[in-house]
């Protein structure tokens, strides 16, 4: 369970912008509390069907991340290697040693930004970023033009019906 939560944290960290200024995604990691703690210092979240108690003060946040490297995993998913600063590394080490068998809760909050701006470190990355941005812009314009043409012809995208699927024979029986 702890490994799954840590992998979730590691998967969310590439969404952090650069480490200058305010990040577009803030990730906070909370340790498990107990019922005897002050009600103002804890919060509850459902975890695997059980209501767990967590401390309000995070163990560490994205502010403790000094470097990360995203990569493609062998199973087709994405992962990230993270380097924490001294404070973050000590906090993670302390909480994993002192609270073995307990859960770390990862909370993510995003801004309303559509994309995340990364600063390329080489000329090749700069060119790649430019090409990708140009392709994305052209695709967006093409999609918008196609949607405008469909709207002009009176066509529309069908909406997915809400509710469960019912076979026609069952619907006809209930209509009688």
C-alpha atoms as a PDB file:
ATOM      1  CA  UNK A   1       0.000   0.000   0.000  1.00  0.00           C
ATOM      2  CA  UNK A   2       2.773   2.423   0.927  1.00  0.00           C
ATOM      3  CA  UNK A   3       4.565   1.548  -2.284  1.00  0.00           C
ATOM      4  CA  UNK A   4       1.431   2.294  -4.315  1.00  0.00           C
ATOM      5  CA  UNK A   5       1.032   5.684  -2.658  1.00  0.00           C
ATOM      6  CA  UNK A   6       4.703   6.501  -3.182  1.00  0.00           C
ATOM      7  CA  UNK A   7       4.438   5.506  -6.853  1.00  0.00           C
ATOM      8  CA  UNK A   8       1.389   7.768  -7.177  1.00  0.00           C
ATOM      9  CA  UNK A   9       3.424  10.621  -5.713  1.00  0.00           C
ATOM     10  CA  UNK A  10       6.260   9.882  -8.077  1.00  0.00           C
ATOM     11  CA  UNK A  11       3.859   9.756 -11.018  1.00  0.00           C
ATOM     12  CA  UNK A  12       2.412  13.175 -10.183  1.00  0.00           C
ATOM     13  CA  UNK A  13       5.681  15.009  -9.756  1.00  0.00           C
ATOM     14  CA  UNK A  14       6.407  15.441 -13.488  1.00  0.00           C
ATOM     15  CA  UNK A  15       3.361  17.710 -13.528  1.00  0.00           C
ATOM     16  CA  UNK A  16       5.273  20.192 -11.409  1.00  0.00           C
ATOM     17  CA  UNK A  17       6.510  23.102 -13.477  1.00  0.00           C
ATOM     18  CA  UNK A  18      10.057  24.222 -13.042  1.00  0.00           C
ATOM     19  CA  UNK A  19      11.263  24.753  -9.534  1.00  0.00           C
ATOM     20  CA  UNK A  20      11.263  28.540  -9.915  1.00  0.00           C
ATOM     21  CA  UNK A  21       8.193  30.509  -8.881  1.00  0.00           C
ATOM     22  CA  UNK A  22       4.868  28.981  -7.941  1.00  0.00           C
ATOM     23  CA  UNK A  23       4.329  25.417  -9.189  1.00  0.00           C
ATOM     24  CA  UNK A  24       1.232  24.708 -11.256  1.00  0.00           C
ATOM     25  CA  UNK A  25       0.737  21.485  -9.316  1.00  0.00           C
ATOM     26  CA  UNK A  26       1.265  21.193  -5.582  1.00  0.00           C
ATOM     27  CA  UNK A  27       1.670  17.765  -4.052  1.00  0.00           C
ATOM     28  CA  UNK A  28       1.601  17.303  -0.291  1.00  0.00           C
ATOM     29  CA  UNK A  29       2.294  14.095   1.614  1.00  0.00           C
ATOM     30  CA  UNK A  30       0.526  13.524   4.932  1.00  0.00           C
ATOM     31  CA  UNK A  31       1.260  10.821   7.504  1.00  0.00           C
ATOM     32  CA  UNK A  32      -1.385   8.807   9.266  1.00  0.00           C
ATOM     33  CA  UNK A  33      -2.616  10.226  12.572  1.00  0.00           C
ATOM     34  CA  UNK A  34      -4.752   8.668  15.281  1.00  0.00           C
ATOM     35  CA  UNK A  35      -8.143   9.286  16.851  1.00  0.00           C
ATOM     36  CA  UNK A  36      -6.567  10.697  20.034  1.00  0.00           C
ATOM     37  CA  UNK A  37      -5.047  13.671  18.192  1.00  0.00           C
ATOM     38  CA  UNK A  38      -6.769  17.042  18.425  1.00  0.00           C
ATOM     39  CA  UNK A  39      -9.691  17.286  15.962  1.00  0.00           C
ATOM     40  CA  UNK A  40      -8.184  20.487  14.543  1.00  0.00           C
ATOM     41  CA  UNK A  41      -4.936  18.726  13.697  1.00  0.00           C
ATOM     42  CA  UNK A  42      -6.387  15.769  11.739  1.00  0.00           C
ATOM     43  CA  UNK A  43      -8.591  15.056   8.732  1.00  0.00           C
ATOM     44  CA  UNK A  44     -10.289  11.889   7.529  1.00  0.00           C
ATOM     45  CA  UNK A  45     -10.164  10.281   4.084  1.00  0.00           C
ATOM     46  CA  UNK A  46     -11.559   6.964   2.833  1.00  0.00           C
ATOM     47  CA  UNK A  47      -8.798   4.520   1.918  1.00  0.00           C
ATOM     48  CA  UNK A  48      -9.813   1.164   0.459  1.00  0.00           C
ATOM     49  CA  UNK A  49     -13.266   1.428   2.020  1.00  0.00           C
ATOM     50  CA  UNK A  50     -11.949   2.340   5.468  1.00  0.00           C
ATOM     51  CA  UNK A  51     -12.063   5.851   6.942  1.00  0.00           C
ATOM     52  CA  UNK A  52      -8.446   6.757   7.866  1.00  0.00           C
ATOM     53  CA  UNK A  53      -7.175   9.660   9.964  1.00  0.00           C
ATOM     54  CA  UNK A  54      -4.284  11.814   8.679  1.00  0.00           C
ATOM     55  CA  UNK A  55      -2.352  14.715  10.193  1.00  0.00           C
ATOM     56  CA  UNK A  56      -3.124  18.171   8.789  1.00  0.00           C
ATOM     57  CA  UNK A  57       0.532  19.232   8.654  1.00  0.00           C
ATOM     58  CA  UNK A  58       2.263  17.566   5.674  1.00  0.00           C
ATOM     59  CA  UNK A  59       5.481  15.603   6.031  1.00  0.00           C
ATOM     60  CA  UNK A  60       6.833  17.173   2.836  1.00  0.00           C
ATOM     61  CA  UNK A  61       5.604  18.912  -0.322  1.00  0.00           C
ATOM     62  CA  UNK A  62       6.768  19.651  -3.857  1.00  0.00           C
ATOM     63  CA  UNK A  63       8.853  22.453  -2.321  1.00  0.00           C
ATOM     64  CA  UNK A  64      11.211  19.707  -1.111  1.00  0.00           C
ATOM     65  CA  UNK A  65      11.778  18.366  -4.638  1.00  0.00           C
ATOM     66  CA  UNK A  66      15.042  19.639  -6.104  1.00  0.00           C
ATOM     67  CA  UNK A  67      15.140  17.454  -9.233  1.00  0.00           C
ATOM     68  CA  UNK A  68      13.092  14.881 -11.079  1.00  0.00           C
ATOM     69  CA  UNK A  69      13.486  12.748 -14.177  1.00  0.00           C
ATOM     70  CA  UNK A  70      10.411  11.245 -15.890  1.00  0.00           C
ATOM     71  CA  UNK A  71      10.795   7.949 -17.720  1.00  0.00           C
ATOM     72  CA  UNK A  72       8.723   5.339 -19.529  1.00  0.00           C
ATOM     73  CA  UNK A  73       8.394   2.138 -17.518  1.00  0.00           C
ATOM     74  CA  UNK A  74       8.700  -1.303 -19.122  1.00  0.00           C
ATOM     75  CA  UNK A  75       4.987  -2.004 -18.584  1.00  0.00           C
ATOM     76  CA  UNK A  76       3.988   1.010 -20.708  1.00  0.00           C
ATOM     77  CA  UNK A  77       3.194   3.367 -17.836  1.00  0.00           C
ATOM     78  CA  UNK A  78       5.188   6.429 -16.851  1.00  0.00           C
ATOM     79  CA  UNK A  79       7.352   6.897 -13.789  1.00  0.00           C
ATOM     80  CA  UNK A  80       9.645   9.470 -12.299  1.00  0.00           C
ATOM     81  CA  UNK A  81      12.838   9.484 -10.295  1.00  0.00           C
ATOM     82  CA  UNK A  82      12.816  12.203  -7.637  1.00  0.00           C
ATOM     83  CA  UNK A  83      15.557  13.858  -5.620  1.00  0.00           C
ATOM     84  CA  UNK A  84      14.446  15.532  -2.400  1.00  0.00           C
ATOM     85  CA  UNK A  85      16.343  18.277  -0.623  1.00  0.00           C
ATOM     86  CA  UNK A  86      17.880  17.671   2.809  1.00  0.00           C
ATOM     87  CA  UNK A  87      14.709  18.564   4.684  1.00  0.00           C
ATOM     88  CA  UNK A  88      12.426  16.463   2.460  1.00  0.00           C
ATOM     89  CA  UNK A  89      14.761  13.448   2.462  1.00  0.00           C
ATOM     90  CA  UNK A  90      15.029  13.545   6.248  1.00  0.00           C
ATOM     91  CA  UNK A  91      11.248  13.916   6.621  1.00  0.00           C
ATOM     92  CA  UNK A  92      10.615  10.917   4.353  1.00  0.00           C
ATOM     93  CA  UNK A  93      13.242   8.825   6.120  1.00  0.00           C
ATOM     94  CA  UNK A  94      11.891   9.742   9.550  1.00  0.00           C
ATOM     95  CA  UNK A  95       8.251   9.033   8.718  1.00  0.00           C
ATOM     96  CA  UNK A  96       9.040   5.680   7.076  1.00  0.00           C
ATOM     97  CA  UNK A  97      11.175   4.575  10.036  1.00  0.00           C
ATOM     98  CA  UNK A  98       8.905   5.811  12.820  1.00  0.00           C
ATOM     99  CA  UNK A  99       5.547   4.915  11.266  1.00  0.00           C
ATOM    100  CA  UNK A 100       6.107   1.508   9.673  1.00  0.00           C
ATOM    101  CA  UNK A 101       2.903  -0.153   8.518  1.00  0.00           C
ATOM    102  CA  UNK A 102       1.015   3.154   8.341  1.00  0.00           C
ATOM    103  CA  UNK A 103      -0.207   4.971   5.250  1.00  0.00           C
ATOM    104  CA  UNK A 104       1.067   8.145   3.615  1.00  0.00           C
ATOM    105  CA  UNK A 105      -1.697  10.202   1.967  1.00  0.00           C
ATOM    106  CA  UNK A 106      -0.765  12.119  -1.174  1.00  0.00           C
ATOM    107  CA  UNK A 107      -2.848  15.176  -1.945  1.00  0.00           C
ATOM    108  CA  UNK A 108      -2.597  16.904  -5.312  1.00  0.00           C
ATOM    109  CA  UNK A 109      -4.007  20.282  -6.250  1.00  0.00           C
ATOM    110  CA  UNK A 110      -3.745  21.793  -9.714  1.00  0.00           C
ATOM    111  CA  UNK A 111      -4.134  25.249 -11.077  1.00  0.00           C
ATOM    112  CA  UNK A 112      -6.492  25.899 -13.950  1.00  0.00           C
ATOM    113  CA  UNK A 113      -3.623  26.114 -16.441  1.00  0.00           C
ATOM    114  CA  UNK A 114      -4.025  24.024 -19.599  1.00  0.00           C
ATOM    115  CA  UNK A 115      -0.382  23.121 -19.908  1.00  0.00           C
ATOM    116  CA  UNK A 116       2.825  23.025 -17.962  1.00  0.00           C
ATOM    117  CA  UNK A 117       5.754  25.058 -19.204  1.00  0.00           C
ATOM    118  CA  UNK A 118       9.079  23.309 -18.878  1.00  0.00           C
ATOM    119  CA  UNK A 119      12.372  25.065 -19.489  1.00  0.00           C
ATOM    120  CA  UNK A 120      14.426  23.081 -22.023  1.00  0.00           C
ATOM    121  CA  UNK A 121      18.013  22.543 -21.002  1.00  0.00           C
ATOM    122  CA  UNK A 122      19.559  21.965 -24.442  1.00  0.00           C
ATOM    123  CA  UNK A 123      19.109  23.341 -27.949  1.00  0.00           C
ATOM    124  CA  UNK A 124      17.774  19.979 -29.101  1.00  0.00           C
ATOM    125  CA  UNK A 125      15.091  20.052 -26.375  1.00  0.00           C
ATOM    126  CA  UNK A 126      14.249  23.634 -27.330  1.00  0.00           C
ATOM    127  CA  UNK A 127      13.776  22.609 -30.989  1.00  0.00           C
ATOM    128  CA  UNK A 128      11.726  19.552 -29.979  1.00  0.00           C
ATOM    129  CA  UNK A 129       9.513  21.673 -27.724  1.00  0.00           C
ATOM    130  CA  UNK A 130       9.002  24.199 -30.515  1.00  0.00           C
ATOM    131  CA  UNK A 131       8.067  21.466 -33.018  1.00  0.00           C
ATOM    132  CA  UNK A 132       5.649  19.822 -30.565  1.00  0.00           C
ATOM    133  CA  UNK A 133       4.024  23.158 -29.718  1.00  0.00           C
ATOM    134  CA  UNK A 134       3.655  23.987 -33.409  1.00  0.00           C
ATOM    135  CA  UNK A 135       2.069  20.577 -34.133  1.00  0.00           C
ATOM    136  CA  UNK A 136      -0.277  20.922 -31.164  1.00  0.00           C
ATOM    137  CA  UNK A 137      -1.309  24.423 -32.268  1.00  0.00           C
ATOM    138  CA  UNK A 138      -1.951  23.228 -35.853  1.00  0.00           C
ATOM    139  CA  UNK A 139      -3.966  20.236 -34.604  1.00  0.00           C
ATOM    140  CA  UNK A 140      -6.040  22.452 -32.315  1.00  0.00           C
ATOM    141  CA  UNK A 141      -6.785  24.893 -35.155  1.00  0.00           C
ATOM    142  CA  UNK A 142      -7.670  22.010 -37.482  1.00  0.00           C
ATOM    143  CA  UNK A 143      -9.995  20.448 -34.878  1.00  0.00           C
ATOM    144  CA  UNK A 144     -11.675  23.802 -34.211  1.00  0.00           C
ATOM    145  CA  UNK A 145     -12.183  24.394 -37.960  1.00  0.00           C
ATOM    146  CA  UNK A 146     -13.677  20.907 -38.388  1.00  0.00           C
ATOM    147  CA  UNK A 147     -16.007  21.477 -35.421  1.00  0.00           C
ATOM    148  CA  UNK A 148     -17.099  24.819 -36.909  1.00  0.00           C
ATOM    149  CA  UNK A 149     -17.807  23.142 -40.278  1.00  0.00           C
ATOM    150  CA  UNK A 150     -19.886  20.410 -38.588  1.00  0.00           C
ATOM    151  CA  UNK A 151     -21.808  23.057 -36.631  1.00  0.00           C
ATOM    152  CA  UNK A 152     -22.460  25.028 -39.842  1.00  0.00           C
ATOM    153  CA  UNK A 153     -23.911  21.899 -41.489  1.00  0.00           C
ATOM    154  CA  UNK A 154     -26.105  21.338 -38.431  1.00  0.00           C
ATOM    155  CA  UNK A 155     -24.234  18.219 -37.319  1.00  0.00           C
ATOM    156  CA  UNK A 156     -23.454  17.638 -33.678  1.00  0.00           C
ATOM    157  CA  UNK A 157     -21.585  15.182 -31.518  1.00  0.00           C
ATOM    158  CA  UNK A 158     -24.026  12.663 -30.018  1.00  0.00           C
ATOM    159  CA  UNK A 159     -24.181  12.665 -26.237  1.00  0.00           C
ATOM    160  CA  UNK A 160     -23.583   9.482 -24.328  1.00  0.00           C
ATOM    161  CA  UNK A 161     -26.796   8.470 -22.565  1.00  0.00           C
ATOM    162  CA  UNK A 162     -26.719   8.483 -18.793  1.00  0.00           C
ATOM    163  CA  UNK A 163     -27.759   5.426 -16.798  1.00  0.00           C
ATOM    164  CA  UNK A 164     -27.268   1.765 -17.419  1.00  0.00           C
ATOM    165  CA  UNK A 165     -27.674  -0.031 -20.725  1.00  0.00           C
ATOM    166  CA  UNK A 166     -30.971  -1.898 -21.058  1.00  0.00           C
ATOM    167  CA  UNK A 167     -31.580  -4.417 -23.848  1.00  0.00           C
ATOM    168  CA  UNK A 168     -34.335  -3.351 -26.261  1.00  0.00           C
ATOM    169  CA  UNK A 169     -36.383  -6.478 -25.490  1.00  0.00           C
ATOM    170  CA  UNK A 170     -36.412  -5.559 -21.781  1.00  0.00           C
ATOM    171  CA  UNK A 171     -37.348  -1.952 -22.553  1.00  0.00           C
ATOM    172  CA  UNK A 172     -40.276  -3.134 -24.719  1.00  0.00           C
ATOM    173  CA  UNK A 173     -41.511  -5.467 -21.964  1.00  0.00           C
ATOM    174  CA  UNK A 174     -41.497  -2.671 -19.385  1.00  0.00           C
ATOM    175  CA  UNK A 175     -43.310  -0.310 -21.802  1.00  0.00           C
ATOM    176  CA  UNK A 176     -46.384  -2.602 -22.023  1.00  0.00           C
END
